[in-house]
């Protein structure tokens, strides 16, 4: 379940409070536990996946979560599968670990592992959100954010797209608040 770290060191784990804190940004977070992970547990724990295994996971996921695509107008989705042996892992980390925006919304449903997202609030303060298995996150276009893997370097998620080119980062130059990285 998601956890939010505020600049003053407060840690919030109540999902309703997290949603309330992120609502002014238009960021939406929800926890869904449909039990689909029991359909492919062996695939969630292995690092490397074949294209056929990725398609199988996405197809099973979409059979349960079709409403997410319909409600939000997502055109396509794929499986993000990051693990310590991923090719170009350091490039992927460097690409998204600095503040940026997108011209299209960024949305994902976490299947396994965890990822950290940072956001700049309207008052300039920053927060960090830990997204974990079974969390659905929707970040509207134009919202300043960054994301990074946790120390496990392991994360699987179905990513949803509204544009053919996916999520292209537009870097803002905002510096990460050091008080959140201690």
N, C-alpha and C. Protein backbone atom coordinates (compact mmCIF):
# COMPACT_ATOMS: atom_id res chain seq x y z
N UNK A 1 0.84 -1.17 0.00
CA UNK A 1 0.00 0.00 0.00
C UNK A 1 0.89 1.24 0.00
N UNK A 2 0.46 2.28 -0.64
CA UNK A 2 1.24 3.51 -0.81
C UNK A 2 1.54 4.19 0.52
N UNK A 3 2.67 4.92 0.53
CA UNK A 3 3.09 5.72 1.67
C UNK A 3 3.57 7.06 1.15
N UNK A 4 3.22 8.15 1.86
CA UNK A 4 3.59 9.50 1.45
C UNK A 4 4.50 10.12 2.49
N UNK A 5 5.61 10.69 2.04
CA UNK A 5 6.55 11.40 2.92
C UNK A 5 6.45 12.89 2.61
N UNK A 6 6.10 13.68 3.63
CA UNK A 6 6.01 15.13 3.48
C UNK A 6 7.34 15.78 3.84
N UNK A 7 7.54 17.04 3.43
CA UNK A 7 8.79 17.75 3.67
C UNK A 7 9.12 17.88 5.16
N UNK A 8 8.10 17.95 6.01
CA UNK A 8 8.36 18.11 7.45
C UNK A 8 8.69 16.79 8.13
N UNK A 9 8.80 15.71 7.34
CA UNK A 9 9.15 14.41 7.90
C UNK A 9 7.95 13.55 8.25
N UNK A 10 6.75 14.09 8.12
CA UNK A 10 5.54 13.32 8.40
C UNK A 10 5.39 12.20 7.36
N UNK A 11 5.06 11.02 7.84
CA UNK A 11 4.81 9.88 6.96
C UNK A 11 3.33 9.54 7.06
N UNK A 12 2.68 9.51 5.90
CA UNK A 12 1.25 9.23 5.86
C UNK A 12 1.02 7.90 5.15
N UNK A 13 0.31 6.98 5.80
CA UNK A 13 0.03 5.68 5.17
C UNK A 13 -1.46 5.44 4.96
N UNK A 14 -2.30 6.35 5.42
CA UNK A 14 -3.74 6.24 5.19
C UNK A 14 -4.01 6.70 3.76
N UNK A 15 -4.56 5.79 2.94
CA UNK A 15 -4.73 6.09 1.52
C UNK A 15 -5.66 7.28 1.28
N UNK A 16 -6.69 7.45 2.11
CA UNK A 16 -7.58 8.60 1.96
C UNK A 16 -6.83 9.91 2.20
N UNK A 17 -5.95 9.93 3.20
CA UNK A 17 -5.15 11.13 3.48
C UNK A 17 -4.13 11.39 2.37
N UNK A 18 -3.53 10.32 1.86
CA UNK A 18 -2.59 10.47 0.74
C UNK A 18 -3.31 11.07 -0.46
N UNK A 19 -4.48 10.53 -0.78
CA UNK A 19 -5.26 11.03 -1.91
C UNK A 19 -5.64 12.49 -1.71
N UNK A 20 -6.01 12.85 -0.48
CA UNK A 20 -6.36 14.24 -0.17
C UNK A 20 -5.16 15.16 -0.37
N UNK A 21 -3.99 14.71 0.05
CA UNK A 21 -2.76 15.50 -0.07
C UNK A 21 -2.37 15.71 -1.54
N UNK A 22 -2.61 14.71 -2.38
CA UNK A 22 -2.21 14.78 -3.79
C UNK A 22 -3.30 15.36 -4.70
N UNK A 23 -4.52 15.45 -4.20
CA UNK A 23 -5.66 15.92 -5.01
C UNK A 23 -5.45 17.30 -5.64
N UNK A 24 -4.86 18.28 -4.92
CA UNK A 24 -4.66 19.60 -5.56
C UNK A 24 -3.79 19.53 -6.82
N UNK A 25 -2.97 18.51 -6.94
CA UNK A 25 -2.14 18.33 -8.14
C UNK A 25 -2.90 17.59 -9.24
N UNK A 26 -4.05 17.03 -8.89
CA UNK A 26 -4.78 16.21 -9.84
C UNK A 26 -4.29 14.78 -9.87
N UNK A 27 -3.33 14.45 -9.01
CA UNK A 27 -2.78 13.09 -8.96
C UNK A 27 -3.80 12.19 -8.26
N UNK A 28 -4.04 11.04 -8.87
CA UNK A 28 -5.02 10.09 -8.36
C UNK A 28 -4.30 8.81 -7.97
N UNK A 29 -4.58 8.31 -6.76
CA UNK A 29 -4.00 7.05 -6.29
C UNK A 29 -5.12 6.19 -5.73
N UNK A 30 -5.10 4.92 -6.06
CA UNK A 30 -6.10 3.98 -5.56
C UNK A 30 -5.44 2.62 -5.41
N UNK A 31 -5.88 1.86 -4.44
CA UNK A 31 -5.38 0.50 -4.22
C UNK A 31 -6.45 -0.48 -4.68
N UNK A 32 -6.12 -1.33 -5.64
CA UNK A 32 -7.03 -2.35 -6.16
C UNK A 32 -6.41 -3.72 -5.89
N UNK A 33 -7.16 -4.61 -5.28
CA UNK A 33 -6.67 -5.97 -5.07
C UNK A 33 -7.68 -6.96 -5.63
N UNK A 34 -7.63 -7.17 -6.95
CA UNK A 34 -8.59 -8.08 -7.57
C UNK A 34 -8.18 -9.55 -7.48
N UNK A 35 -7.00 -9.81 -6.93
CA UNK A 35 -6.53 -11.19 -6.82
C UNK A 35 -5.90 -11.73 -8.09
N UNK A 36 -5.66 -10.88 -9.08
CA UNK A 36 -5.10 -11.37 -10.35
C UNK A 36 -3.67 -11.88 -10.20
N UNK A 37 -2.96 -11.44 -9.19
CA UNK A 37 -1.57 -11.88 -9.04
C UNK A 37 -1.48 -13.38 -8.82
N UNK A 38 -2.56 -14.01 -8.34
CA UNK A 38 -2.52 -15.47 -8.17
C UNK A 38 -2.53 -16.20 -9.50
N UNK A 39 -2.87 -15.48 -10.58
CA UNK A 39 -2.89 -16.09 -11.90
C UNK A 39 -1.49 -16.23 -12.51
N UNK A 40 -0.53 -15.43 -12.02
CA UNK A 40 0.83 -15.49 -12.58
C UNK A 40 1.89 -15.20 -11.52
N UNK A 41 1.82 -15.82 -10.34
CA UNK A 41 2.79 -15.49 -9.28
C UNK A 41 4.23 -15.79 -9.67
N UNK A 42 4.45 -16.87 -10.43
CA UNK A 42 5.80 -17.22 -10.85
C UNK A 42 6.40 -16.15 -11.76
N UNK A 43 5.56 -15.45 -12.53
CA UNK A 43 6.05 -14.41 -13.43
C UNK A 43 6.38 -13.12 -12.67
N UNK A 44 5.71 -12.91 -11.56
CA UNK A 44 5.96 -11.69 -10.78
C UNK A 44 7.28 -11.75 -10.03
N UNK A 45 7.74 -12.95 -9.69
CA UNK A 45 8.97 -13.05 -8.92
C UNK A 45 10.22 -13.24 -9.78
N UNK A 46 10.06 -13.61 -11.03
CA UNK A 46 11.25 -13.78 -11.87
C UNK A 46 11.65 -12.45 -12.49
N UNK A 47 12.95 -12.27 -12.66
CA UNK A 47 13.45 -11.01 -13.20
C UNK A 47 13.10 -10.85 -14.69
N UNK A 48 13.75 -11.62 -15.53
CA UNK A 48 13.58 -11.49 -16.97
C UNK A 48 12.30 -12.20 -17.42
N UNK A 49 11.59 -11.56 -18.35
CA UNK A 49 10.38 -12.13 -18.92
C UNK A 49 10.48 -12.12 -20.44
N UNK A 50 9.92 -13.14 -21.07
CA UNK A 50 9.86 -13.16 -22.52
C UNK A 50 8.74 -12.23 -22.98
N UNK A 51 8.74 -11.89 -24.26
CA UNK A 51 7.66 -11.07 -24.80
C UNK A 51 6.32 -11.78 -24.63
N UNK A 52 6.30 -13.09 -24.80
CA UNK A 52 5.07 -13.86 -24.65
C UNK A 52 4.56 -13.78 -23.20
N UNK A 53 5.46 -13.88 -22.23
CA UNK A 53 5.06 -13.78 -20.82
C UNK A 53 4.54 -12.38 -20.49
N UNK A 54 5.19 -11.36 -21.04
CA UNK A 54 4.72 -9.98 -20.83
C UNK A 54 3.31 -9.80 -21.39
N UNK A 55 3.08 -10.29 -22.59
CA UNK A 55 1.76 -10.18 -23.21
C UNK A 55 0.71 -10.93 -22.39
N UNK A 56 1.08 -12.09 -21.87
CA UNK A 56 0.17 -12.88 -21.05
C UNK A 56 -0.24 -12.09 -19.80
N UNK A 57 0.71 -11.47 -19.14
CA UNK A 57 0.42 -10.67 -17.94
C UNK A 57 -0.50 -9.50 -18.29
N UNK A 58 -0.17 -8.77 -19.34
CA UNK A 58 -0.97 -7.61 -19.75
C UNK A 58 -2.38 -8.04 -20.13
N UNK A 59 -2.51 -9.15 -20.88
CA UNK A 59 -3.83 -9.62 -21.29
C UNK A 59 -4.69 -10.00 -20.08
N UNK A 60 -4.11 -10.73 -19.12
CA UNK A 60 -4.87 -11.09 -17.92
C UNK A 60 -5.23 -9.86 -17.11
N UNK A 61 -4.29 -8.94 -16.99
CA UNK A 61 -4.55 -7.70 -16.26
C UNK A 61 -5.69 -6.92 -16.91
N UNK A 62 -5.63 -6.77 -18.22
CA UNK A 62 -6.65 -6.00 -18.93
C UNK A 62 -8.03 -6.64 -18.86
N UNK A 63 -8.07 -7.95 -18.75
CA UNK A 63 -9.38 -8.61 -18.66
C UNK A 63 -10.11 -8.20 -17.37
N UNK A 64 -9.36 -7.87 -16.33
CA UNK A 64 -9.95 -7.43 -15.06
C UNK A 64 -10.06 -5.91 -15.00
N UNK A 65 -9.08 -5.20 -15.57
CA UNK A 65 -9.00 -3.75 -15.44
C UNK A 65 -9.40 -3.00 -16.71
N UNK A 66 -10.25 -3.58 -17.50
CA UNK A 66 -10.71 -2.91 -18.72
C UNK A 66 -11.33 -1.55 -18.42
N UNK A 67 -11.99 -1.43 -17.26
CA UNK A 67 -12.63 -0.17 -16.88
C UNK A 67 -11.63 0.97 -16.75
N UNK A 68 -10.40 0.68 -16.34
CA UNK A 68 -9.39 1.73 -16.21
C UNK A 68 -9.10 2.35 -17.57
N UNK A 69 -8.95 1.51 -18.57
CA UNK A 69 -8.68 2.02 -19.91
C UNK A 69 -9.86 2.82 -20.45
N UNK A 70 -11.06 2.32 -20.24
CA UNK A 70 -12.25 2.99 -20.77
C UNK A 70 -12.51 4.32 -20.08
N UNK A 71 -12.37 4.36 -18.75
CA UNK A 71 -12.65 5.59 -18.00
C UNK A 71 -11.67 6.72 -18.33
N UNK A 72 -10.45 6.37 -18.67
CA UNK A 72 -9.41 7.38 -18.85
C UNK A 72 -8.96 7.58 -20.29
N UNK A 73 -9.54 6.86 -21.22
CA UNK A 73 -9.21 7.05 -22.63
C UNK A 73 -7.81 6.59 -23.00
N UNK A 74 -7.29 5.60 -22.29
CA UNK A 74 -5.97 5.09 -22.63
C UNK A 74 -6.04 4.33 -23.95
N UNK A 75 -5.07 4.57 -24.82
CA UNK A 75 -5.06 3.95 -26.14
C UNK A 75 -4.35 2.61 -26.16
N UNK A 76 -3.32 2.49 -25.33
CA UNK A 76 -2.55 1.26 -25.30
C UNK A 76 -1.84 1.14 -23.96
N UNK A 77 -1.32 -0.05 -23.68
CA UNK A 77 -0.57 -0.27 -22.45
C UNK A 77 0.53 -1.30 -22.72
N UNK A 78 1.47 -1.34 -21.79
CA UNK A 78 2.54 -2.32 -21.89
C UNK A 78 2.96 -2.72 -20.48
N UNK A 79 3.94 -3.59 -20.40
CA UNK A 79 4.45 -4.02 -19.10
C UNK A 79 5.85 -3.45 -18.90
N UNK A 80 6.00 -2.67 -17.85
CA UNK A 80 7.32 -2.20 -17.44
C UNK A 80 7.89 -3.27 -16.52
N UNK A 81 9.04 -3.80 -16.86
CA UNK A 81 9.67 -4.83 -16.06
C UNK A 81 11.13 -4.43 -15.84
N UNK A 82 11.39 -3.88 -14.67
CA UNK A 82 12.74 -3.42 -14.34
C UNK A 82 13.29 -4.30 -13.22
N UNK A 83 14.54 -4.71 -13.38
CA UNK A 83 15.20 -5.56 -12.39
C UNK A 83 16.70 -5.27 -12.45
N UNK A 84 17.47 -5.75 -11.47
CA UNK A 84 18.90 -5.41 -11.45
C UNK A 84 19.66 -5.75 -12.73
N UNK A 85 19.22 -6.72 -13.49
CA UNK A 85 19.89 -7.08 -14.73
C UNK A 85 19.33 -6.43 -15.98
N UNK A 86 18.42 -5.49 -15.82
CA UNK A 86 17.80 -4.83 -16.98
C UNK A 86 18.85 -4.11 -17.81
N UNK A 87 18.76 -4.26 -19.14
CA UNK A 87 19.68 -3.50 -19.99
C UNK A 87 19.41 -2.00 -19.84
N UNK A 88 20.44 -1.21 -19.88
CA UNK A 88 20.32 0.25 -19.79
C UNK A 88 19.65 0.73 -18.51
N UNK A 89 19.81 -0.01 -17.42
CA UNK A 89 19.18 0.34 -16.15
C UNK A 89 19.59 1.73 -15.67
N UNK A 90 20.87 2.04 -15.73
CA UNK A 90 21.34 3.34 -15.26
C UNK A 90 20.81 4.48 -16.11
N UNK A 91 20.66 4.27 -17.41
CA UNK A 91 20.10 5.28 -18.29
C UNK A 91 18.63 5.52 -17.95
N UNK A 92 17.90 4.44 -17.71
CA UNK A 92 16.49 4.56 -17.33
C UNK A 92 16.35 5.34 -16.04
N UNK A 93 17.16 5.02 -15.05
CA UNK A 93 17.12 5.72 -13.77
C UNK A 93 17.43 7.20 -13.96
N UNK A 94 18.49 7.50 -14.70
CA UNK A 94 18.90 8.90 -14.91
C UNK A 94 17.84 9.69 -15.69
N UNK A 95 17.14 9.05 -16.60
CA UNK A 95 16.14 9.73 -17.42
C UNK A 95 14.98 10.25 -16.59
N UNK A 96 14.52 9.47 -15.62
CA UNK A 96 13.31 9.84 -14.89
C UNK A 96 13.54 10.32 -13.47
N UNK A 97 14.77 10.28 -12.98
CA UNK A 97 15.05 10.64 -11.59
C UNK A 97 15.26 12.14 -11.39
N UNK A 98 14.96 12.93 -12.38
CA UNK A 98 14.99 14.38 -12.22
C UNK A 98 13.62 14.94 -12.55
N UNK A 99 13.30 16.09 -11.97
CA UNK A 99 11.97 16.65 -12.16
C UNK A 99 11.68 16.92 -13.63
N UNK A 100 10.48 16.51 -14.03
CA UNK A 100 10.04 16.68 -15.41
C UNK A 100 8.52 16.70 -15.45
N UNK A 101 7.99 17.02 -16.61
CA UNK A 101 6.56 16.93 -16.88
C UNK A 101 6.40 16.11 -18.16
N UNK A 102 5.16 15.78 -18.47
CA UNK A 102 4.83 15.11 -19.73
C UNK A 102 3.66 15.86 -20.36
N UNK A 103 3.55 15.78 -21.67
CA UNK A 103 2.40 16.38 -22.36
C UNK A 103 1.18 15.46 -22.32
N UNK A 104 1.39 14.23 -21.90
CA UNK A 104 0.30 13.25 -21.75
C UNK A 104 0.31 12.74 -20.31
N UNK A 105 -0.82 12.24 -19.83
CA UNK A 105 -0.84 11.70 -18.47
C UNK A 105 0.07 10.47 -18.34
N UNK A 106 0.58 10.28 -17.14
CA UNK A 106 1.37 9.09 -16.82
C UNK A 106 0.54 8.27 -15.85
N UNK A 107 0.25 7.03 -16.23
CA UNK A 107 -0.56 6.18 -15.38
C UNK A 107 0.01 4.77 -15.36
N UNK A 108 -0.07 4.14 -14.20
CA UNK A 108 0.41 2.77 -14.09
C UNK A 108 -0.28 2.04 -12.95
N UNK A 109 -0.27 0.72 -13.07
CA UNK A 109 -0.77 -0.16 -12.02
C UNK A 109 0.40 -1.06 -11.63
N UNK A 110 0.83 -0.96 -10.37
CA UNK A 110 1.98 -1.73 -9.88
C UNK A 110 1.57 -3.18 -9.64
N UNK A 111 2.33 -4.07 -10.23
CA UNK A 111 2.09 -5.51 -10.05
C UNK A 111 3.02 -6.12 -9.00
N UNK A 112 4.25 -5.65 -8.95
CA UNK A 112 5.23 -6.19 -8.01
C UNK A 112 6.33 -5.15 -7.79
N UNK A 113 6.96 -5.21 -6.63
CA UNK A 113 8.04 -4.28 -6.32
C UNK A 113 7.49 -2.94 -5.88
N UNK A 114 8.36 -1.93 -5.97
CA UNK A 114 7.95 -0.60 -5.54
C UNK A 114 8.76 0.46 -6.26
N UNK A 115 8.18 1.67 -6.34
CA UNK A 115 8.83 2.80 -6.98
C UNK A 115 8.47 4.06 -6.20
N UNK A 116 9.38 5.03 -6.22
CA UNK A 116 9.16 6.29 -5.53
C UNK A 116 8.90 7.38 -6.56
N UNK A 117 7.87 8.19 -6.30
CA UNK A 117 7.55 9.34 -7.13
C UNK A 117 7.67 10.58 -6.26
N UNK A 118 8.26 11.63 -6.79
CA UNK A 118 8.33 12.91 -6.10
C UNK A 118 7.49 13.93 -6.85
N UNK A 119 6.84 14.82 -6.09
CA UNK A 119 5.97 15.83 -6.68
C UNK A 119 6.27 17.19 -6.07
N UNK A 120 6.11 18.25 -6.87
CA UNK A 120 6.20 19.63 -6.40
C UNK A 120 4.77 20.13 -6.23
N UNK A 121 4.44 20.57 -5.02
CA UNK A 121 3.11 21.09 -4.74
C UNK A 121 3.04 22.57 -5.15
N UNK A 122 1.85 23.13 -5.18
CA UNK A 122 1.65 24.52 -5.62
C UNK A 122 2.43 25.51 -4.78
N UNK A 123 2.64 25.23 -3.49
CA UNK A 123 3.39 26.14 -2.62
C UNK A 123 4.90 25.94 -2.73
N UNK A 124 5.33 25.06 -3.62
CA UNK A 124 6.76 24.80 -3.82
C UNK A 124 7.31 23.68 -2.96
N UNK A 125 6.55 23.22 -1.99
CA UNK A 125 7.02 22.11 -1.17
C UNK A 125 7.01 20.83 -2.00
N UNK A 126 7.76 19.84 -1.53
CA UNK A 126 7.87 18.58 -2.25
C UNK A 126 7.43 17.43 -1.36
N UNK A 127 6.89 16.41 -1.99
CA UNK A 127 6.48 15.20 -1.30
C UNK A 127 6.99 14.00 -2.09
N UNK A 128 7.14 12.87 -1.39
CA UNK A 128 7.53 11.63 -2.06
C UNK A 128 6.48 10.56 -1.78
N UNK A 129 6.11 9.85 -2.83
CA UNK A 129 5.10 8.81 -2.75
C UNK A 129 5.74 7.47 -3.09
N UNK A 130 5.63 6.52 -2.16
CA UNK A 130 6.09 5.16 -2.42
C UNK A 130 4.90 4.37 -2.95
N UNK A 131 5.00 3.90 -4.19
CA UNK A 131 3.95 3.12 -4.83
C UNK A 131 4.37 1.66 -4.75
N UNK A 132 3.43 0.81 -4.32
CA UNK A 132 3.72 -0.61 -4.16
C UNK A 132 2.70 -1.45 -4.91
N UNK A 133 2.89 -2.75 -4.85
CA UNK A 133 2.03 -3.70 -5.55
C UNK A 133 0.55 -3.40 -5.29
N UNK A 134 -0.22 -3.41 -6.36
CA UNK A 134 -1.66 -3.21 -6.39
C UNK A 134 -2.10 -1.75 -6.24
N UNK A 135 -1.14 -0.84 -6.35
CA UNK A 135 -1.47 0.59 -6.36
C UNK A 135 -1.60 1.06 -7.81
N UNK A 136 -2.65 1.83 -8.07
CA UNK A 136 -2.86 2.47 -9.37
C UNK A 136 -2.59 3.95 -9.19
N UNK A 137 -1.75 4.51 -10.05
CA UNK A 137 -1.38 5.92 -9.97
C UNK A 137 -1.63 6.58 -11.32
N UNK A 138 -2.29 7.75 -11.28
CA UNK A 138 -2.54 8.54 -12.49
C UNK A 138 -2.01 9.95 -12.22
N UNK A 139 -1.03 10.37 -13.02
CA UNK A 139 -0.44 11.70 -12.92
C UNK A 139 -0.87 12.48 -14.17
N UNK A 140 -1.65 13.54 -14.02
CA UNK A 140 -2.09 14.31 -15.19
C UNK A 140 -0.91 14.92 -15.95
N UNK A 141 -1.14 15.23 -17.20
CA UNK A 141 -0.11 15.92 -17.98
C UNK A 141 0.22 17.25 -17.31
N UNK A 142 1.47 17.66 -17.43
CA UNK A 142 1.90 18.94 -16.88
C UNK A 142 2.26 18.95 -15.41
N UNK A 143 2.05 17.85 -14.69
CA UNK A 143 2.38 17.81 -13.26
C UNK A 143 3.88 17.51 -13.12
N UNK A 144 4.55 18.38 -12.37
CA UNK A 144 5.99 18.25 -12.18
C UNK A 144 6.27 17.10 -11.20
N UNK A 145 7.08 16.14 -11.66
CA UNK A 145 7.36 14.96 -10.85
C UNK A 145 8.67 14.30 -11.28
N UNK A 146 9.11 13.35 -10.50
CA UNK A 146 10.23 12.48 -10.84
C UNK A 146 9.88 11.10 -10.32
N UNK A 147 10.62 10.09 -10.73
CA UNK A 147 10.41 8.75 -10.19
C UNK A 147 11.73 8.00 -10.20
N UNK A 148 11.83 7.06 -9.27
CA UNK A 148 13.04 6.27 -9.16
C UNK A 148 12.72 4.94 -8.51
N UNK A 149 13.52 3.97 -8.81
CA UNK A 149 13.40 2.67 -8.17
C UNK A 149 13.88 2.76 -6.72
N UNK A 150 13.42 1.83 -5.90
CA UNK A 150 13.96 1.72 -4.55
C UNK A 150 15.23 0.87 -4.62
N UNK A 151 15.84 0.60 -3.49
CA UNK A 151 17.11 -0.14 -3.45
C UNK A 151 17.01 -1.53 -4.06
N UNK A 152 15.82 -2.11 -4.08
CA UNK A 152 15.67 -3.46 -4.66
C UNK A 152 15.87 -3.46 -6.18
N UNK A 153 15.74 -2.30 -6.81
CA UNK A 153 15.85 -2.16 -8.27
C UNK A 153 14.89 -3.10 -9.00
N UNK A 154 13.74 -3.34 -8.42
CA UNK A 154 12.80 -4.28 -8.99
C UNK A 154 11.40 -3.67 -9.00
N UNK A 155 10.78 -3.65 -10.18
CA UNK A 155 9.44 -3.08 -10.30
C UNK A 155 8.78 -3.62 -11.56
N UNK A 156 7.55 -4.11 -11.41
CA UNK A 156 6.74 -4.52 -12.55
C UNK A 156 5.43 -3.75 -12.48
N UNK A 157 5.03 -3.16 -13.62
CA UNK A 157 3.80 -2.39 -13.66
C UNK A 157 3.23 -2.38 -15.07
N UNK A 158 1.92 -2.33 -15.15
CA UNK A 158 1.26 -2.09 -16.42
C UNK A 158 1.19 -0.58 -16.57
N UNK A 159 1.75 -0.08 -17.68
CA UNK A 159 1.74 1.36 -17.95
C UNK A 159 0.67 1.65 -19.00
N UNK A 160 -0.05 2.75 -18.80
CA UNK A 160 -1.14 3.14 -19.70
C UNK A 160 -0.75 4.43 -20.43
N UNK A 161 -1.09 4.49 -21.71
CA UNK A 161 -0.71 5.62 -22.53
C UNK A 161 -1.90 6.20 -23.30
N UNK A 162 -1.90 7.52 -23.45
CA UNK A 162 -2.91 8.20 -24.26
C UNK A 162 -2.31 8.77 -25.54
N UNK A 163 -1.01 8.61 -25.70
CA UNK A 163 -0.32 9.13 -26.89
C UNK A 163 0.58 8.05 -27.47
N UNK A 164 0.74 8.07 -28.76
CA UNK A 164 1.54 7.05 -29.44
C UNK A 164 3.00 7.06 -29.00
N UNK A 165 3.53 8.25 -28.65
CA UNK A 165 4.95 8.33 -28.29
C UNK A 165 5.22 8.07 -26.81
N UNK A 166 4.19 7.72 -26.05
CA UNK A 166 4.40 7.39 -24.64
C UNK A 166 4.65 8.63 -23.80
N UNK A 167 5.51 8.49 -22.82
CA UNK A 167 5.81 9.59 -21.89
C UNK A 167 7.19 10.14 -22.20
N UNK A 168 7.25 11.27 -22.83
CA UNK A 168 8.52 11.93 -23.13
C UNK A 168 8.75 12.98 -22.05
N UNK A 169 9.87 12.88 -21.31
CA UNK A 169 10.10 13.85 -20.23
C UNK A 169 10.52 15.22 -20.74
N UNK A 170 9.92 16.26 -20.17
CA UNK A 170 10.32 17.65 -20.40
C UNK A 170 10.90 18.13 -19.07
N UNK A 171 12.21 18.23 -18.99
CA UNK A 171 12.87 18.54 -17.72
C UNK A 171 12.64 19.98 -17.29
N UNK A 172 12.39 20.15 -15.98
CA UNK A 172 12.05 21.48 -15.45
C UNK A 172 13.22 22.16 -14.76
N UNK A 173 14.22 21.41 -14.35
CA UNK A 173 15.36 21.99 -13.65
C UNK A 173 15.16 22.13 -12.14
N UNK A 174 13.97 21.81 -11.64
CA UNK A 174 13.73 21.88 -10.20
C UNK A 174 14.63 20.88 -9.49
N UNK A 175 15.24 21.31 -8.41
CA UNK A 175 16.13 20.44 -7.63
C UNK A 175 15.33 19.64 -6.61
N UNK A 176 15.72 18.39 -6.40
CA UNK A 176 15.11 17.58 -5.38
C UNK A 176 15.44 18.15 -4.03
N UNK A 177 14.46 18.18 -3.14
CA UNK A 177 14.64 18.68 -1.79
C UNK A 177 15.48 17.68 -1.00
N UNK A 178 16.63 18.12 -0.52
CA UNK A 178 17.55 17.24 0.22
C UNK A 178 16.93 16.71 1.51
N UNK A 179 16.00 17.43 2.11
CA UNK A 179 15.42 16.99 3.38
C UNK A 179 14.59 15.71 3.20
N UNK A 180 14.15 15.43 1.98
CA UNK A 180 13.39 14.23 1.72
C UNK A 180 14.28 13.04 1.41
N UNK A 181 15.54 13.25 1.17
CA UNK A 181 16.45 12.18 0.77
C UNK A 181 17.38 11.73 1.87
N UNK A 182 16.99 11.96 3.09
CA UNK A 182 17.86 11.55 4.21
C UNK A 182 17.48 10.19 4.72
